[in-house]
C-alpha cells in the first residue's frame, strides 16, 4: 500500500474533522435577579423639603 500525498491529505482531513467533533462546549447561564424595593412617603417628604429649600435659596431657578 503506497501512501500518496492525496491519500495523506485525505487521512489528515478525516483526522481534523474527527478531532473538531470532540470539541467541548461551555455554556454559561445566569438566572435573573429580582430586586424588591419599597419607597414610602418619607422619601417624597424629604425630596419636597429639599426642593423647597432650593427654591428659597434660588428664587430665580424657575
N, C-alpha and C. Protein backbone atom coordinates (compact mmCIF):
# COMPACT_ATOMS: atom_id res chain seq x y z
N UNK A 1 0.84 -1.16 0.00
CA UNK A 1 0.00 0.00 0.00
C UNK A 1 0.89 1.23 0.00
N UNK A 2 0.77 2.03 -1.03
CA UNK A 2 1.59 3.23 -1.14
C UNK A 2 0.81 4.42 -0.58
N UNK A 3 1.53 5.30 0.03
CA UNK A 3 0.90 6.50 0.61
C UNK A 3 1.22 7.68 -0.28
N UNK A 4 0.26 8.04 -1.08
CA UNK A 4 0.43 9.19 -1.96
C UNK A 4 0.09 10.45 -1.20
N UNK A 5 0.53 11.61 -1.66
CA UNK A 5 0.20 12.87 -0.97
C UNK A 5 -1.31 13.12 -0.88
N UNK A 6 -2.06 12.69 -1.90
CA UNK A 6 -3.51 12.90 -1.85
C UNK A 6 -4.13 12.03 -0.76
N UNK A 7 -3.65 10.81 -0.63
CA UNK A 7 -4.17 9.91 0.39
C UNK A 7 -3.81 10.44 1.79
N UNK A 8 -2.60 10.94 1.97
CA UNK A 8 -2.20 11.51 3.26
C UNK A 8 -3.03 12.75 3.60
N UNK A 9 -3.33 13.55 2.58
CA UNK A 9 -4.16 14.74 2.80
C UNK A 9 -5.56 14.33 3.23
N UNK A 10 -6.11 13.29 2.60
CA UNK A 10 -7.44 12.80 2.95
C UNK A 10 -7.45 12.26 4.38
N UNK A 11 -6.43 11.52 4.77
CA UNK A 11 -6.33 11.00 6.13
C UNK A 11 -6.23 12.15 7.13
N UNK A 12 -5.45 13.16 6.80
CA UNK A 12 -5.32 14.34 7.66
C UNK A 12 -6.63 15.08 7.80
N UNK A 13 -7.38 15.20 6.70
CA UNK A 13 -8.67 15.88 6.73
C UNK A 13 -9.66 15.11 7.61
N UNK A 14 -9.69 13.81 7.46
CA UNK A 14 -10.58 12.98 8.29
C UNK A 14 -10.21 13.10 9.76
N UNK A 15 -8.93 13.12 10.06
CA UNK A 15 -8.47 13.25 11.45
C UNK A 15 -8.86 14.62 12.02
N UNK A 16 -8.74 15.68 11.22
CA UNK A 16 -9.08 17.03 11.68
C UNK A 16 -10.58 17.15 11.95
N UNK A 17 -11.40 16.58 11.06
CA UNK A 17 -12.85 16.63 11.25
C UNK A 17 -13.23 15.82 12.50
N UNK A 18 -12.60 14.70 12.68
CA UNK A 18 -12.89 13.88 13.86
C UNK A 18 -12.49 14.57 15.15
N UNK A 19 -11.36 15.26 15.13
CA UNK A 19 -10.90 15.96 16.34
C UNK A 19 -11.79 17.17 16.65
N UNK A 20 -12.28 17.86 15.62
CA UNK A 20 -13.13 19.03 15.86
C UNK A 20 -14.51 18.61 16.34
N UNK A 21 -14.94 17.41 16.04
CA UNK A 21 -16.24 16.94 16.51
C UNK A 21 -16.24 16.70 18.02
N UNK A 22 -15.08 16.51 18.60
CA UNK A 22 -14.98 16.24 20.04
C UNK A 22 -14.70 17.48 20.86
N UNK A 23 -14.81 18.66 20.27
CA UNK A 23 -14.52 19.90 20.98
C UNK A 23 -15.61 20.15 22.04
N UNK A 24 -15.23 20.36 23.29
CA UNK A 24 -16.24 20.58 24.33
C UNK A 24 -16.88 21.96 24.20
N UNK A 25 -18.13 22.05 24.62
CA UNK A 25 -18.87 23.30 24.58
C UNK A 25 -19.13 23.76 26.01
N UNK A 26 -18.81 25.01 26.29
CA UNK A 26 -19.03 25.58 27.61
C UNK A 26 -20.17 26.59 27.49
N UNK A 27 -21.20 26.43 28.31
CA UNK A 27 -22.33 27.35 28.30
C UNK A 27 -22.47 27.96 29.69
N UNK A 28 -22.75 29.24 29.71
CA UNK A 28 -22.92 29.97 30.97
C UNK A 28 -24.35 30.49 31.03
N UNK A 29 -25.06 30.15 32.09
CA UNK A 29 -26.44 30.60 32.24
C UNK A 29 -26.53 31.41 33.53
N UNK A 30 -27.06 32.61 33.41
CA UNK A 30 -27.22 33.49 34.56
C UNK A 30 -28.71 33.64 34.82
N UNK A 31 -29.13 33.31 36.02
CA UNK A 31 -30.53 33.45 36.39
C UNK A 31 -30.84 34.91 36.67
N UNK A 32 -32.05 35.36 36.33
CA UNK A 32 -32.40 36.76 36.60
C UNK A 32 -32.45 37.04 38.10
N UNK A 33 -32.07 38.25 38.43
CA UNK A 33 -32.06 38.68 39.83
C UNK A 33 -33.29 39.54 40.07
N UNK A 34 -34.02 39.23 41.11
CA UNK A 34 -35.21 40.02 41.46
C UNK A 34 -34.85 40.94 42.62
N UNK A 35 -35.15 42.21 42.43
CA UNK A 35 -34.88 43.20 43.46
C UNK A 35 -36.21 43.82 43.87
N UNK A 36 -36.48 43.76 45.14
CA UNK A 36 -37.70 44.35 45.67
C UNK A 36 -37.31 45.63 46.42
N UNK A 37 -37.94 46.73 46.05
CA UNK A 37 -37.65 47.99 46.71
C UNK A 37 -38.97 48.60 47.18
N UNK A 38 -38.93 49.17 48.34
CA UNK A 38 -40.13 49.81 48.89
C UNK A 38 -39.83 51.28 49.10
N UNK A 39 -40.59 52.11 48.44
CA UNK A 39 -40.48 53.56 48.64
C UNK A 39 -41.68 54.00 49.45
N UNK A 40 -41.44 54.76 50.46
CA UNK A 40 -42.55 55.22 51.27
C UNK A 40 -42.67 56.74 51.19
N UNK A 41 -43.63 57.27 51.90
CA UNK A 41 -43.92 58.70 51.85
C UNK A 41 -42.78 59.52 52.42
N UNK A 42 -41.97 58.94 53.27
CA UNK A 42 -40.87 59.67 53.88
C UNK A 42 -39.89 60.17 52.82
N UNK A 43 -39.63 59.37 51.82
CA UNK A 43 -38.72 59.78 50.74
C UNK A 43 -39.29 60.98 50.01
N UNK A 44 -40.56 60.94 49.70
CA UNK A 44 -41.18 62.05 48.99
C UNK A 44 -41.17 63.32 49.83
N UNK A 45 -41.42 63.21 51.12
CA UNK A 45 -41.42 64.39 52.00
C UNK A 45 -40.03 65.00 52.05
N UNK A 46 -39.01 64.14 52.13
CA UNK A 46 -37.64 64.67 52.16
C UNK A 46 -37.30 65.37 50.85
N UNK A 47 -37.70 64.78 49.73
CA UNK A 47 -37.42 65.42 48.44
C UNK A 47 -38.17 66.74 48.32
N UNK A 48 -39.42 66.76 48.75
CA UNK A 48 -40.18 68.01 48.70
C UNK A 48 -39.52 69.09 49.57
N UNK A 49 -39.03 68.71 50.72
CA UNK A 49 -38.37 69.66 51.62
C UNK A 49 -37.09 70.20 50.97
N UNK A 50 -36.31 69.31 50.36
CA UNK A 50 -35.09 69.75 49.68
C UNK A 50 -35.41 70.69 48.53
N UNK A 51 -36.47 70.40 47.80
CA UNK A 51 -36.86 71.27 46.69
C UNK A 51 -37.30 72.64 47.20
N UNK A 52 -38.04 72.66 48.29
CA UNK A 52 -38.46 73.94 48.87
C UNK A 52 -37.24 74.74 49.33
N UNK A 53 -36.28 74.06 49.94
CA UNK A 53 -35.06 74.76 50.38
C UNK A 53 -34.30 75.34 49.19
N UNK A 54 -34.22 74.57 48.10
CA UNK A 54 -33.54 75.08 46.89
C UNK A 54 -34.27 76.29 46.32
N UNK A 55 -35.58 76.26 46.32
CA UNK A 55 -36.34 77.40 45.79
C UNK A 55 -36.17 78.64 46.67
N UNK A 56 -36.04 78.45 47.98
CA UNK A 56 -35.83 79.59 48.87
C UNK A 56 -34.45 80.17 48.61
N UNK A 57 -33.46 79.33 48.43
CA UNK A 57 -32.09 79.80 48.18
C UNK A 57 -31.93 80.39 46.80
N UNK A 58 -32.66 79.87 45.79
CA UNK A 58 -32.55 80.34 44.42
C UNK A 58 -33.93 80.66 43.87
N UNK A 59 -34.46 81.82 44.16
CA UNK A 59 -35.82 82.15 43.72
C UNK A 59 -35.95 82.26 42.20
N UNK A 60 -34.88 82.50 41.50
CA UNK A 60 -34.94 82.62 40.03
C UNK A 60 -34.68 81.30 39.32
N UNK A 61 -34.76 80.22 40.06
CA UNK A 61 -34.45 78.91 39.48
C UNK A 61 -35.47 78.52 38.41
N UNK A 62 -36.76 78.84 38.66
CA UNK A 62 -37.78 78.51 37.68
C UNK A 62 -38.41 79.75 37.14
